[in-house]
Amino acid sequence: MTDTLDTKGILRLIESVPSPKAEPFKVWLANLGSERIDEVFDPEIAIKRAIGYYRKRGYDDKWIETRLKERSIKNVNIY
């Protein structure tokens, strides 16, 4: 038998580790969660993050614009 955890379980486990070595990871995780919550309330933040992500990977602005338009069309068609 193997014990497994889902994402929520893993995060709860990390939260419960009483080690100073775990603290930087906990802080990083809290910041990441905060950023994602901010993106829910202001989608422009998510768009800017995506643009930065693609630029760091060397994609040009035309490719980025096309990619974002494709994603927005797919998201509209879901609803």
N, C-alpha and C. Protein backbone atom coordinates (compact mmCIF):
# COMPACT_ATOMS: atom_id res chain seq x y z
N MET A 1 0.83 -1.20 0.00
CA MET A 1 0.00 0.00 0.00
C MET A 1 0.88 1.26 0.00
N THR A 2 0.43 2.26 -0.71
CA THR A 2 1.13 3.53 -0.76
C THR A 2 0.19 4.63 -0.28
N ASP A 3 0.67 5.47 0.61
CA ASP A 3 -0.11 6.62 1.04
C ASP A 3 0.03 7.73 0.02
N THR A 4 -1.07 8.34 -0.34
CA THR A 4 -1.03 9.45 -1.30
C THR A 4 -1.85 10.61 -0.76
N LEU A 5 -1.56 11.78 -1.29
CA LEU A 5 -2.29 12.99 -0.93
C LEU A 5 -2.68 13.74 -2.19
N ASP A 6 -3.83 14.39 -2.13
CA ASP A 6 -4.18 15.31 -3.21
C ASP A 6 -3.50 16.65 -2.93
N THR A 7 -3.70 17.61 -3.80
CA THR A 7 -3.04 18.91 -3.66
C THR A 7 -3.36 19.56 -2.32
N LYS A 8 -4.61 19.54 -1.94
CA LYS A 8 -5.01 20.14 -0.67
C LYS A 8 -4.31 19.45 0.50
N GLY A 9 -4.22 18.13 0.45
CA GLY A 9 -3.56 17.38 1.50
C GLY A 9 -2.07 17.70 1.59
N ILE A 10 -1.43 17.86 0.43
CA ILE A 10 0.00 18.21 0.42
C ILE A 10 0.22 19.57 1.05
N LEU A 11 -0.63 20.52 0.70
CA LEU A 11 -0.49 21.86 1.27
C LEU A 11 -0.73 21.86 2.78
N ARG A 12 -1.69 21.07 3.24
CA ARG A 12 -1.93 20.97 4.68
C ARG A 12 -0.74 20.32 5.39
N LEU A 13 -0.13 19.34 4.74
CA LEU A 13 1.04 18.68 5.32
C LEU A 13 2.20 19.67 5.46
N ILE A 14 2.45 20.42 4.41
CA ILE A 14 3.53 21.42 4.44
C ILE A 14 3.27 22.44 5.55
N GLU A 15 2.02 22.84 5.66
CA GLU A 15 1.64 23.82 6.68
C GLU A 15 1.94 23.30 8.09
N SER A 16 1.84 22.00 8.29
CA SER A 16 2.00 21.44 9.63
C SER A 16 3.45 21.13 10.00
N VAL A 17 4.39 21.26 9.08
CA VAL A 17 5.79 20.94 9.37
C VAL A 17 6.37 22.03 10.27
N PRO A 18 6.82 21.68 11.49
CA PRO A 18 7.31 22.69 12.43
C PRO A 18 8.81 22.96 12.32
N SER A 19 9.34 22.95 11.12
CA SER A 19 10.78 23.13 10.93
C SER A 19 11.08 24.53 10.39
N PRO A 20 12.15 25.17 10.90
CA PRO A 20 12.56 26.46 10.35
C PRO A 20 12.94 26.35 8.87
N LYS A 21 13.39 25.17 8.45
CA LYS A 21 13.75 24.97 7.04
C LYS A 21 12.53 25.00 6.13
N ALA A 22 11.37 24.71 6.68
CA ALA A 22 10.13 24.72 5.89
C ALA A 22 9.56 26.13 5.75
N GLU A 23 10.01 27.04 6.59
CA GLU A 23 9.43 28.39 6.62
C GLU A 23 9.55 29.14 5.29
N PRO A 24 10.71 29.14 4.62
CA PRO A 24 10.78 29.85 3.32
C PRO A 24 9.78 29.30 2.30
N PHE A 25 9.58 28.00 2.31
CA PHE A 25 8.62 27.40 1.38
C PHE A 25 7.20 27.82 1.74
N LYS A 26 6.90 27.88 3.04
CA LYS A 26 5.57 28.32 3.48
C LYS A 26 5.31 29.77 3.06
N VAL A 27 6.30 30.61 3.19
CA VAL A 27 6.16 32.02 2.80
C VAL A 27 5.95 32.12 1.30
N TRP A 28 6.75 31.38 0.53
CA TRP A 28 6.60 31.38 -0.94
C TRP A 28 5.20 30.92 -1.33
N LEU A 29 4.73 29.86 -0.69
CA LEU A 29 3.41 29.31 -0.99
C LEU A 29 2.31 30.32 -0.65
N ALA A 30 2.44 31.00 0.47
CA ALA A 30 1.46 32.02 0.86
C ALA A 30 1.44 33.17 -0.15
N ASN A 31 2.62 33.59 -0.60
CA ASN A 31 2.69 34.67 -1.59
C ASN A 31 2.06 34.25 -2.91
N LEU A 32 2.33 33.03 -3.33
CA LEU A 32 1.77 32.51 -4.56
C LEU A 32 0.24 32.47 -4.48
N GLY A 33 -0.27 31.97 -3.36
CA GLY A 33 -1.71 31.93 -3.16
C GLY A 33 -2.33 33.31 -3.19
N SER A 34 -1.67 34.26 -2.56
CA SER A 34 -2.16 35.64 -2.55
C SER A 34 -2.21 36.22 -3.97
N GLU A 35 -1.16 35.96 -4.74
CA GLU A 35 -1.12 36.45 -6.13
C GLU A 35 -2.27 35.87 -6.96
N ARG A 36 -2.53 34.59 -6.79
CA ARG A 36 -3.60 33.95 -7.58
C ARG A 36 -4.97 34.48 -7.18
N ILE A 37 -5.16 34.74 -5.88
CA ILE A 37 -6.42 35.33 -5.43
C ILE A 37 -6.59 36.72 -6.02
N ASP A 38 -5.52 37.51 -6.05
CA ASP A 38 -5.57 38.84 -6.66
C ASP A 38 -5.96 38.74 -8.13
N GLU A 39 -5.46 37.72 -8.83
CA GLU A 39 -5.78 37.53 -10.25
C GLU A 39 -7.25 37.21 -10.48
N VAL A 40 -7.89 36.55 -9.52
CA VAL A 40 -9.31 36.25 -9.63
C VAL A 40 -10.11 37.55 -9.63
N PHE A 41 -9.72 38.48 -8.78
CA PHE A 41 -10.45 39.74 -8.68
C PHE A 41 -10.05 40.75 -9.75
N ASP A 42 -8.85 40.60 -10.31
CA ASP A 42 -8.38 41.50 -11.37
C ASP A 42 -7.67 40.68 -12.45
N PRO A 43 -8.42 40.20 -13.44
CA PRO A 43 -7.84 39.35 -14.48
C PRO A 43 -6.69 40.00 -15.26
N GLU A 44 -6.62 41.31 -15.25
CA GLU A 44 -5.53 42.01 -15.93
C GLU A 44 -4.18 41.60 -15.35
N ILE A 45 -4.14 41.31 -14.07
CA ILE A 45 -2.89 40.87 -13.42
C ILE A 45 -2.45 39.54 -14.03
N ALA A 46 -3.40 38.63 -14.25
CA ALA A 46 -3.07 37.33 -14.85
C ALA A 46 -2.56 37.50 -16.27
N ILE A 47 -3.16 38.41 -17.01
CA ILE A 47 -2.72 38.66 -18.39
C ILE A 47 -1.30 39.20 -18.40
N LYS A 48 -1.01 40.15 -17.52
CA LYS A 48 0.34 40.70 -17.46
C LYS A 48 1.36 39.64 -17.05
N ARG A 49 0.97 38.75 -16.14
CA ARG A 49 1.86 37.66 -15.73
C ARG A 49 2.14 36.72 -16.90
N ALA A 50 1.09 36.42 -17.68
CA ALA A 50 1.26 35.54 -18.84
C ALA A 50 2.18 36.18 -19.88
N ILE A 51 2.01 37.46 -20.12
CA ILE A 51 2.86 38.17 -21.09
C ILE A 51 4.31 38.11 -20.63
N GLY A 52 4.56 38.38 -19.35
CA GLY A 52 5.92 38.31 -18.82
C GLY A 52 6.50 36.91 -18.95
N TYR A 53 5.68 35.91 -18.66
CA TYR A 53 6.11 34.50 -18.78
C TYR A 53 6.55 34.19 -20.20
N TYR A 54 5.72 34.57 -21.18
CA TYR A 54 6.05 34.29 -22.58
C TYR A 54 7.27 35.08 -23.05
N ARG A 55 7.40 36.32 -22.62
CA ARG A 55 8.57 37.13 -23.01
C ARG A 55 9.87 36.52 -22.47
N LYS A 56 9.84 36.04 -21.22
CA LYS A 56 11.02 35.40 -20.64
C LYS A 56 11.45 34.18 -21.44
N ARG A 57 10.50 33.53 -22.08
CA ARG A 57 10.81 32.35 -22.87
C ARG A 57 11.14 32.67 -24.33
N GLY A 58 11.18 33.96 -24.66
CA GLY A 58 11.66 34.38 -25.96
C GLY A 58 10.62 34.53 -27.05
N TYR A 59 9.35 34.46 -26.71
CA TYR A 59 8.31 34.64 -27.72
C TYR A 59 8.17 36.11 -28.07
N ASP A 60 7.92 36.40 -29.35
CA ASP A 60 7.75 37.80 -29.74
C ASP A 60 6.33 38.27 -29.44
N ASP A 61 6.13 39.60 -29.50
CA ASP A 61 4.85 40.19 -29.12
C ASP A 61 3.71 39.74 -30.01
N LYS A 62 3.98 39.52 -31.28
CA LYS A 62 2.92 39.06 -32.21
C LYS A 62 2.44 37.67 -31.80
N TRP A 63 3.37 36.77 -31.46
CA TRP A 63 3.00 35.43 -31.04
C TRP A 63 2.19 35.49 -29.75
N ILE A 64 2.64 36.34 -28.82
CA ILE A 64 1.95 36.47 -27.53
C ILE A 64 0.53 36.97 -27.74
N GLU A 65 0.37 37.98 -28.59
CA GLU A 65 -0.96 38.53 -28.85
C GLU A 65 -1.88 37.46 -29.44
N THR A 66 -1.36 36.69 -30.38
CA THR A 66 -2.15 35.62 -31.00
C THR A 66 -2.53 34.58 -29.96
N ARG A 67 -1.58 34.19 -29.14
CA ARG A 67 -1.82 33.18 -28.10
C ARG A 67 -2.90 33.63 -27.13
N LEU A 68 -2.81 34.86 -26.67
CA LEU A 68 -3.80 35.36 -25.72
C LEU A 68 -5.19 35.46 -26.35
N LYS A 69 -5.25 35.85 -27.62
CA LYS A 69 -6.55 35.89 -28.31
C LYS A 69 -7.14 34.49 -28.44
N GLU A 70 -6.31 33.52 -28.79
CA GLU A 70 -6.79 32.14 -28.91
C GLU A 70 -7.33 31.64 -27.57
N ARG A 71 -6.62 31.91 -26.50
CA ARG A 71 -7.04 31.47 -25.16
C ARG A 71 -8.36 32.14 -24.77
N SER A 72 -8.51 33.42 -25.08
CA SER A 72 -9.74 34.11 -24.69
C SER A 72 -10.93 33.58 -25.49
N ILE A 73 -10.71 33.23 -26.74
CA ILE A 73 -11.80 32.66 -27.55
C ILE A 73 -12.20 31.30 -27.01
N LYS A 74 -11.21 30.46 -26.66
CA LYS A 74 -11.52 29.14 -26.10
C LYS A 74 -12.28 29.28 -24.80
N ASN A 75 -11.91 30.24 -23.95
CA ASN A 75 -12.58 30.42 -22.66
C ASN A 75 -14.03 30.91 -22.85
N VAL A 76 -14.28 31.73 -23.86
CA VAL A 76 -15.62 32.22 -24.12
C VAL A 76 -16.49 31.07 -24.61
N ASN A 77 -15.93 30.18 -25.42
CA ASN A 77 -16.71 29.06 -25.97
C ASN A 77 -17.06 28.01 -24.92
N ILE A 78 -16.36 28.01 -23.80
CA ILE A 78 -16.66 27.04 -22.74
C ILE A 78 -18.02 27.35 -22.12
N TYR A 79 -18.33 28.62 -21.98
CA TYR A 79 -19.57 29.02 -21.33
C TYR A 79 -20.65 29.06 -22.34
